[in-house]
């Protein structure tokens, strides 16, 4: 029950664009249940919005270890890799 409440609070924060707060709620959910893939893909989305690509990639990798055909995890991991590549190219300019 507490898990569901935290997940819903996290989802509400995402809808409002409050990604840092949503990350905190999803992280609390993970303390209660580490097997719920949706929490990891939701947190990965938040990390992408916050330009935290490595963290997003790690969450997606975790999901794909549990559920190797999770489309959201594949898609968000690809976005994370893209973000990491852009960042790498930007740093090479300097």
Protein backbone atom coordinates (compact mmCIF):
# COMPACT_ATOMS: atom_id res chain seq x y z
CA UNK A 1 0.00 0.00 0.00
CA UNK A 2 2.78 2.43 0.93
CA UNK A 3 4.58 1.42 -2.27
CA UNK A 4 1.53 2.31 -4.38
CA UNK A 5 1.15 5.67 -2.63
CA UNK A 6 4.81 6.57 -3.19
CA UNK A 7 4.61 5.50 -6.84
CA UNK A 8 1.52 7.65 -7.40
CA UNK A 9 3.18 10.63 -5.69
CA UNK A 10 6.19 10.15 -7.95
CA UNK A 11 3.96 10.00 -11.03
CA UNK A 12 2.22 13.21 -9.95
CA UNK A 13 5.58 14.97 -9.61
CA UNK A 14 6.53 13.83 -13.12
CA UNK A 15 3.28 15.28 -14.53
CA UNK A 16 4.16 18.60 -12.87
CA UNK A 17 7.72 18.51 -14.21
CA UNK A 18 9.19 18.14 -10.70
CA UNK A 19 11.71 15.46 -11.60
CA UNK A 20 14.02 15.76 -8.56
CA UNK A 21 11.05 15.16 -6.24
CA UNK A 22 9.86 12.26 -8.39
CA UNK A 23 13.31 10.64 -8.21
CA UNK A 24 13.11 10.75 -4.40
CA UNK A 25 9.68 9.09 -4.38
CA UNK A 26 10.72 6.36 -6.84
CA UNK A 27 13.90 5.73 -4.83
CA UNK A 28 11.78 5.26 -1.70
CA UNK A 29 9.62 2.78 -3.64
CA UNK A 30 12.73 0.77 -4.50
CA UNK A 31 13.48 0.28 -0.82
CA UNK A 32 10.12 -1.50 -0.56
CA UNK A 33 10.24 -3.46 -3.82
CA UNK A 34 13.33 -3.90 -6.03
CA UNK A 35 11.57 -6.07 -8.62
CA UNK A 36 9.05 -3.51 -9.93
CA UNK A 37 10.42 -2.54 -13.35
CA UNK A 38 8.09 0.44 -13.85
CA UNK A 39 9.72 2.27 -10.96
CA UNK A 40 13.14 1.98 -12.58
CA UNK A 41 11.93 3.08 -16.02
CA UNK A 42 10.04 5.99 -14.43
CA UNK A 43 13.13 7.06 -12.50
CA UNK A 44 15.20 6.69 -15.68
CA UNK A 45 12.82 9.11 -17.41
CA UNK A 46 13.39 11.61 -14.60
CA UNK A 47 17.14 11.20 -14.84
CA UNK A 48 16.96 11.84 -18.60
CA UNK A 49 15.02 15.05 -17.97
CA UNK A 50 17.69 16.06 -15.44
CA UNK A 51 20.53 15.24 -17.91
CA UNK A 52 21.77 12.47 -15.59
CA UNK A 53 22.42 10.03 -18.40
CA UNK A 54 24.67 7.59 -16.55
CA UNK A 55 22.06 7.14 -13.79
CA UNK A 56 19.33 6.66 -16.40
CA UNK A 57 21.43 4.03 -18.17
CA UNK A 58 22.02 2.16 -14.90
CA UNK A 59 18.29 2.05 -14.10
CA UNK A 60 17.53 0.73 -17.59
CA UNK A 61 20.33 -1.87 -17.34
CA UNK A 62 18.78 -3.06 -14.07
CA UNK A 63 15.34 -3.45 -15.67
CA UNK A 64 16.78 -5.35 -18.63
CA UNK A 65 18.45 -7.83 -16.27
CA UNK A 66 15.02 -8.58 -14.78
CA UNK A 67 12.94 -8.28 -17.95
CA UNK A 68 15.05 -8.52 -21.11
CA UNK A 69 12.28 -7.44 -23.48
CA UNK A 70 11.18 -4.24 -21.71
CA UNK A 71 10.68 -1.73 -24.54
CA UNK A 72 10.68 1.34 -22.30
CA UNK A 73 14.00 0.31 -20.79
CA UNK A 74 15.54 -0.21 -24.25
CA UNK A 75 14.23 3.12 -25.49
CA UNK A 76 15.29 5.12 -22.44
CA UNK A 77 18.69 3.45 -22.36
CA UNK A 78 19.17 4.47 -26.00
CA UNK A 79 18.30 8.06 -25.06
CA UNK A 80 20.80 7.86 -22.20
CA UNK A 81 23.53 6.61 -24.55
CA UNK A 82 22.68 9.42 -26.98
CA UNK A 83 22.94 11.96 -24.15
CA UNK A 84 26.29 10.53 -23.07
CA UNK A 85 27.58 10.73 -26.66
CA UNK A 86 26.49 14.36 -27.04
CA UNK A 87 28.13 15.22 -23.71
CA UNK A 88 31.33 13.45 -24.76
CA UNK A 89 31.47 15.37 -28.06
CA UNK A 90 30.80 18.65 -26.26
CA UNK A 91 33.73 18.04 -23.88
CA UNK A 92 36.02 17.21 -26.81
CA UNK A 93 35.44 20.70 -28.20
CA UNK A 94 36.98 22.22 -25.08
